[in-house]
Protein backbone atom coordinates (compact mmCIF):
# COMPACT_ATOMS: atom_id res chain seq x y z
CA UNK A 1 237.03 83.43 105.98
CA UNK A 2 237.85 82.02 109.41
CA UNK A 3 239.52 83.86 112.24
CA UNK A 4 242.47 81.51 111.96
CA UNK A 5 243.07 82.55 108.35
CA UNK A 6 243.20 86.23 109.28
CA UNK A 7 245.22 86.17 112.49
CA UNK A 8 248.64 84.47 112.46
CA UNK A 9 248.80 81.52 114.79
CA UNK A 10 250.53 81.79 118.14
CA UNK A 11 253.05 79.24 116.88
CA UNK A 12 254.13 81.67 114.16
CA UNK A 13 254.72 84.44 116.66
CA UNK A 14 256.80 82.01 118.70
CA UNK A 15 258.74 80.96 115.59
CA UNK A 16 259.50 84.61 114.88
CA UNK A 17 261.48 84.77 118.15
CA UNK A 18 263.76 81.81 117.23
CA UNK A 19 263.04 80.01 120.52
CA UNK A 20 265.75 77.36 120.22
CA UNK A 21 268.46 79.95 119.64
CA UNK A 22 267.14 82.21 122.39
CA UNK A 23 267.04 79.37 124.87
CA UNK A 24 270.84 79.64 124.79
CA UNK A 25 270.59 83.41 125.27
CA UNK A 26 268.44 83.00 128.36
CA UNK A 27 270.65 80.20 129.71
CA UNK A 28 273.85 82.28 129.44
CA UNK A 29 272.07 85.26 130.97
CA UNK A 30 270.94 83.09 133.86
CA UNK A 31 274.49 81.78 134.32
CA UNK A 32 275.87 85.32 134.42
CA UNK A 33 273.23 86.27 136.95
CA UNK A 34 273.93 83.28 139.18
CA UNK A 35 277.69 83.88 139.14
CA UNK A 36 277.22 87.50 140.19
CA UNK A 37 274.30 87.39 142.62
CA UNK A 38 274.97 87.62 146.35
CA UNK A 39 271.44 87.14 147.69
CA UNK A 40 268.52 85.31 146.09
CA UNK A 41 265.77 87.63 144.89
CA UNK A 42 262.92 85.93 143.04
CA UNK A 43 261.56 89.17 141.56
CA UNK A 44 264.98 90.22 140.27
CA UNK A 45 265.61 86.79 138.78
CA UNK A 46 262.22 86.74 137.04
CA UNK A 47 262.66 90.25 135.66
CA UNK A 48 266.12 89.38 134.34
CA UNK A 49 265.10 86.13 132.67
CA UNK A 50 261.78 87.31 131.21
CA UNK A 51 263.14 90.71 130.19
CA UNK A 52 266.11 89.15 128.42
CA UNK A 53 263.88 86.59 126.69
CA UNK A 54 261.62 89.34 125.37
CA UNK A 55 264.49 91.48 124.08
CA UNK A 56 266.19 88.46 122.49
CA UNK A 57 262.89 87.48 120.88
CA UNK A 58 262.48 91.00 119.55
CA UNK A 59 265.98 91.00 118.09
CA UNK A 60 265.28 87.67 116.38
CA UNK A 61 261.98 88.99 115.01
CA UNK A 62 263.66 92.08 113.56
CA UNK A 63 266.28 89.81 112.01
CA UNK A 64 263.58 87.74 110.30
CA UNK A 65 261.79 90.90 109.13
CA UNK A 66 264.93 92.28 107.50
CA UNK A 67 265.96 88.93 106.04
CA UNK A 68 262.59 87.71 104.79
CA UNK A 69 263.65 87.85 101.13
CA UNK A 70 266.88 85.92 101.61
CA UNK A 71 265.13 83.49 103.96
CA UNK A 72 262.77 82.65 101.11
CA UNK A 73 265.76 81.45 99.06
CA UNK A 74 267.18 79.03 101.61
CA UNK A 75 265.93 75.52 102.29
CA UNK A 76 266.27 75.75 106.07
CA UNK A 77 264.46 79.11 106.43
CA UNK A 78 261.92 79.33 103.63
CA UNK A 79 259.11 77.94 105.81
CA UNK A 80 259.43 80.72 108.39
CA UNK A 81 256.24 82.78 108.86
CA UNK A 82 257.29 85.79 106.75
CA UNK A 83 258.86 84.15 103.67
CA UNK A 84 256.08 81.56 103.67
CA UNK A 85 253.46 84.32 103.65
CA UNK A 86 251.73 83.21 106.85
CA UNK A 87 252.27 86.56 108.55
CA UNK A 88 252.09 90.16 107.33
CA UNK A 89 255.25 92.23 107.68
CA UNK A 90 253.39 94.99 109.55
CA UNK A 91 252.16 92.45 112.10
CA UNK A 92 255.70 91.17 112.64
CA UNK A 93 257.04 94.72 113.06
CA UNK A 94 254.48 95.62 115.71
CA UNK A 95 255.18 92.36 117.52
CA UNK A 96 258.97 92.91 117.44
CA UNK A 97 258.65 96.48 118.70
CA UNK A 98 256.23 95.52 121.48
CA UNK A 99 258.25 92.66 122.96
CA UNK A 100 261.55 94.53 122.61
CA UNK A 101 260.29 97.60 124.44
CA UNK A 102 258.50 95.44 127.00
CA UNK A 103 261.68 93.50 127.71
CA UNK A 104 263.82 96.62 128.04
CA UNK A 105 261.29 98.24 130.37
CA UNK A 106 261.12 95.12 132.53
CA UNK A 107 264.92 95.00 132.81
CA UNK A 108 265.17 98.72 133.60
CA UNK A 109 262.50 98.62 136.32
CA UNK A 110 262.81 95.07 137.64
CA UNK A 111 266.62 94.81 137.47
CA UNK A 112 268.54 98.05 136.80
CA UNK A 113 269.26 100.52 133.98
CA UNK A 114 272.69 99.00 133.32
CA UNK A 115 271.21 95.59 132.54
CA UNK A 116 268.65 97.27 130.28
CA UNK A 117 271.44 99.21 128.52
CA UNK A 118 273.42 96.04 127.80
CA UNK A 119 270.25 94.41 126.48
CA UNK A 120 269.59 97.45 124.28
CA UNK A 121 273.14 97.21 122.92
CA UNK A 122 272.51 93.55 122.15
CA UNK A 123 269.28 94.34 120.33
CA UNK A 124 270.66 97.24 118.28
CA UNK A 125 273.95 95.57 117.32
CA UNK A 126 272.18 92.38 116.27
CA UNK A 127 269.33 93.97 114.33
CA UNK A 128 270.95 97.10 112.89
CA UNK A 129 274.63 96.14 112.43
CA UNK A 130 275.01 92.37 112.19
CA UNK A 131 271.86 91.66 110.18
CA UNK A 132 272.48 94.11 107.28
CA UNK A 133 276.19 93.21 107.23
CA UNK A 134 275.38 89.54 106.57
CA UNK A 135 274.53 90.30 102.94
CA UNK A 136 277.67 92.39 102.42
CA UNK A 137 280.67 90.80 104.11
CA UNK A 138 281.97 87.59 105.64
CA UNK A 139 283.03 89.74 108.59
CA UNK A 140 279.40 89.59 109.73
CA UNK A 141 280.20 86.38 111.61
CA UNK A 142 282.82 88.20 113.68
CA UNK A 143 280.58 91.23 114.24
CA UNK A 144 277.65 88.99 115.17
CA UNK A 145 279.77 87.49 117.91
CA UNK A 146 279.40 90.71 119.91
CA UNK A 147 275.62 90.64 120.49
CA UNK A 148 275.86 86.88 120.87
CA UNK A 149 278.31 87.25 123.75
CA UNK A 150 276.50 90.03 125.63
CA UNK A 151 273.75 87.97 127.39
CA UNK A 152 275.94 86.79 130.31
CA UNK A 153 276.83 90.44 130.84
CA UNK A 154 273.12 91.25 131.10
CA UNK A 155 272.82 88.69 133.87
CA UNK A 156 275.94 89.93 135.64
CA UNK A 157 274.81 93.56 135.40
CA UNK A 158 271.37 92.65 136.76
CA UNK A 159 272.90 90.83 139.73
CA UNK A 160 275.69 93.26 140.59
CA UNK A 161 274.89 96.61 138.97
CA UNK A 162 278.40 96.62 137.45
CA UNK A 163 280.36 95.39 134.44
CA UNK A 164 283.48 94.32 136.27
CA UNK A 165 286.32 92.17 134.94
CA UNK A 166 284.34 89.00 135.65
CA UNK A 167 281.63 90.11 133.23
CA UNK A 168 284.20 90.70 130.50
CA UNK A 169 285.70 87.26 131.07
CA UNK A 170 282.28 85.70 130.51
CA UNK A 171 281.84 87.84 127.39
CA UNK A 172 285.23 86.74 126.00
CA UNK A 173 284.49 83.04 126.52
CA UNK A 174 281.17 83.15 124.68
CA UNK A 175 282.56 85.40 121.93
CA UNK A 176 285.46 83.06 121.17
CA UNK A 177 283.27 79.95 121.40
CA UNK A 178 280.89 81.33 118.78
CA UNK A 179 283.52 81.47 116.04
CA UNK A 180 284.19 77.73 115.55
CA UNK A 181 280.51 77.05 116.28
CA UNK A 182 279.15 79.37 113.59
CA UNK A 183 281.93 78.65 111.10
CA UNK A 184 280.99 74.96 111.32
CA UNK A 185 277.39 75.91 110.56
CA UNK A 186 278.53 78.15 107.71
CA UNK A 187 280.47 75.25 106.18
CA UNK A 188 277.57 72.81 106.49
CA UNK A 189 275.10 75.34 105.03
CA UNK A 190 277.42 76.91 102.44
CA UNK A 191 275.25 75.89 99.47
CA UNK A 192 272.18 77.43 101.10
CA UNK A 193 274.06 80.62 101.90
CA UNK A 194 275.43 80.81 98.35
CA UNK A 195 271.92 80.38 96.93
CA UNK A 196 270.74 83.32 99.03
CA UNK A 197 273.73 85.48 98.12
CA UNK A 198 275.11 85.62 101.67
CA UNK A 199 278.93 85.95 101.55
CA UNK A 200 279.89 83.74 104.47
CA UNK A 201 283.55 82.75 104.59
CA UNK A 202 283.01 79.25 103.07
CA UNK A 203 281.08 80.90 100.21
CA UNK A 204 283.70 83.60 99.57
CA UNK A 205 286.59 81.12 99.80
CA UNK A 206 285.17 77.71 98.80
CA UNK A 207 288.36 75.74 99.45
CA UNK A 208 287.79 76.23 103.17
CA UNK A 209 291.36 77.11 104.12
CA UNK A 210 290.50 80.46 105.69
CA UNK A 211 287.52 78.89 107.46
CA UNK A 212 289.74 76.17 108.89
CA UNK A 213 292.46 78.62 109.94
CA UNK A 214 289.95 80.74 111.83
CA UNK A 215 288.37 77.70 113.50
CA UNK A 216 291.78 76.65 114.84
CA UNK A 217 292.82 80.19 115.78
CA UNK A 218 289.72 80.96 117.83
CA UNK A 219 289.70 77.49 119.34
CA UNK A 220 293.33 77.90 120.43
CA UNK A 221 292.71 81.32 122.01
CA UNK A 222 289.61 79.99 123.75
CA UNK A 223 291.63 77.42 125.71
CA UNK A 224 293.55 79.90 127.93
CA UNK A 225 290.67 82.41 128.08
CA UNK A 226 288.33 79.70 129.34
CA UNK A 227 290.65 79.22 132.33
CA UNK A 228 290.33 82.87 133.40
CA UNK A 229 287.26 82.32 135.65
CA UNK A 230 289.55 80.54 138.11
CA UNK A 231 292.05 83.39 138.01
CA UNK A 232 289.41 86.06 138.73
CA UNK A 233 287.69 84.06 141.46
CA UNK A 234 284.57 82.94 139.63
CA UNK A 235 285.41 79.24 139.89
CA UNK A 236 287.85 76.89 141.58
CA UNK A 237 290.46 74.32 140.61
CA UNK A 238 287.96 71.68 139.54
CA UNK A 239 286.61 74.08 136.93
CA UNK A 240 290.15 74.86 135.77
CA UNK A 241 290.90 71.22 135.03
CA UNK A 242 287.55 70.56 133.39
CA UNK A 243 287.72 73.71 131.27
CA UNK A 244 291.20 72.80 130.08
CA UNK A 245 290.07 69.32 129.04
CA UNK A 246 286.96 70.65 127.25
CA UNK A 247 288.95 73.33 125.46
CA UNK A 248 291.55 70.85 124.22
CA UNK A 249 288.83 68.52 122.92
CA UNK A 250 287.12 71.35 121.04
CA UNK A 251 290.47 72.48 119.64
CA UNK A 252 291.22 68.92 118.50
CA UNK A 253 287.91 68.81 116.63
CA UNK A 254 288.83 72.09 114.97
CA UNK A 255 292.23 70.74 113.94
CA UNK A 256 290.61 67.62 112.52
CA UNK A 257 288.31 69.81 110.44
CA UNK A 258 291.29 71.87 109.27
CA UNK A 259 293.06 68.73 108.08
CA UNK A 260 289.99 67.30 106.34
CA UNK A 261 287.47 69.95 105.38
CA UNK A 262 284.49 67.65 104.98
CA UNK A 263 280.88 67.88 106.10
CA UNK A 264 281.45 64.98 108.47
CA UNK A 265 284.30 66.80 110.23
CA UNK A 266 282.30 70.03 110.30
CA UNK A 267 279.33 68.23 111.83
CA UNK A 268 281.56 66.75 114.54
CA UNK A 269 282.90 70.23 115.26
CA UNK A 270 279.37 71.61 115.43
CA UNK A 271 278.19 68.86 117.78
CA UNK A 272 281.30 69.31 119.89
CA UNK A 273 280.68 73.04 120.17
CA UNK A 274 277.07 72.69 121.30
CA UNK A 275 278.21 70.16 123.89
CA UNK A 276 281.16 72.28 125.06
CA UNK A 277 279.32 75.40 126.20
CA UNK A 278 276.68 73.88 128.52
CA UNK A 279 279.33 71.62 130.06
CA UNK A 280 281.61 74.61 130.63
CA UNK A 281 278.80 76.66 132.21
CA UNK A 282 277.84 73.67 134.33
CA UNK A 283 281.41 73.34 135.60
CA UNK A 284 281.63 77.05 136.33
CA UNK A 285 278.33 77.22 138.17
CA UNK A 286 279.00 73.98 140.05
CA UNK A 287 282.49 75.07 141.16
CA UNK A 288 281.52 78.67 141.94
CA UNK A 289 281.95 80.28 145.33
């Protein structure tokens, strides 16, 4: 028996952290940090970014540990290390614990306890509330929006040592954005979710009316909330105009999906959502100060 057959490959450990998803986590944390920081500090920046990445990776690993049985039933997740049998559960648990604690310690010491506390709230709400709720209720999507929207607050807390109104504005934007984004995914993957017994909204109500109503509702509320950074001094008039245009485009894609609940419309909404957020952050960062 070779060493490679006994020890899981480094690629499997990386896969356990959901690197593509957590790239967004790190990016929004970095944006929150940049918008709050007053003086450049390389050590603080590194501690914030690396600490957040470790905690986010730990949360993702715990999610895959708890969902390994349902992951085995879905086409898009059955080749993950745990359902595919390439990694032992005990190995994954130790890995998740180690990187989570390491990330929290790095944030507490290298940034501040507040940033570490927000990161801990993200980890616990994602792993212990959102993850088990996914198999019980369609409300999991709404609940999961909370840990998903906390990363910019980690960055803001690291930079300022506070959770002022600006931090909550950033939280609200990401929270509202997640709803049409994840509902589009839920519609596109509804057969996979149904096979695994996960009661997402498109599975519970197959006609898609409730899904469409929520997409439009959250998209409509996002438009005025996305303008708030200008009102609280985070960005200027150029951001205001750009954010308004982006919000209206995303809302239009949601309305199109509501009128024709097809995979094609859902895919357009999904692509629009993943384009919207980086453009919005880019506008905010570029028009900051």
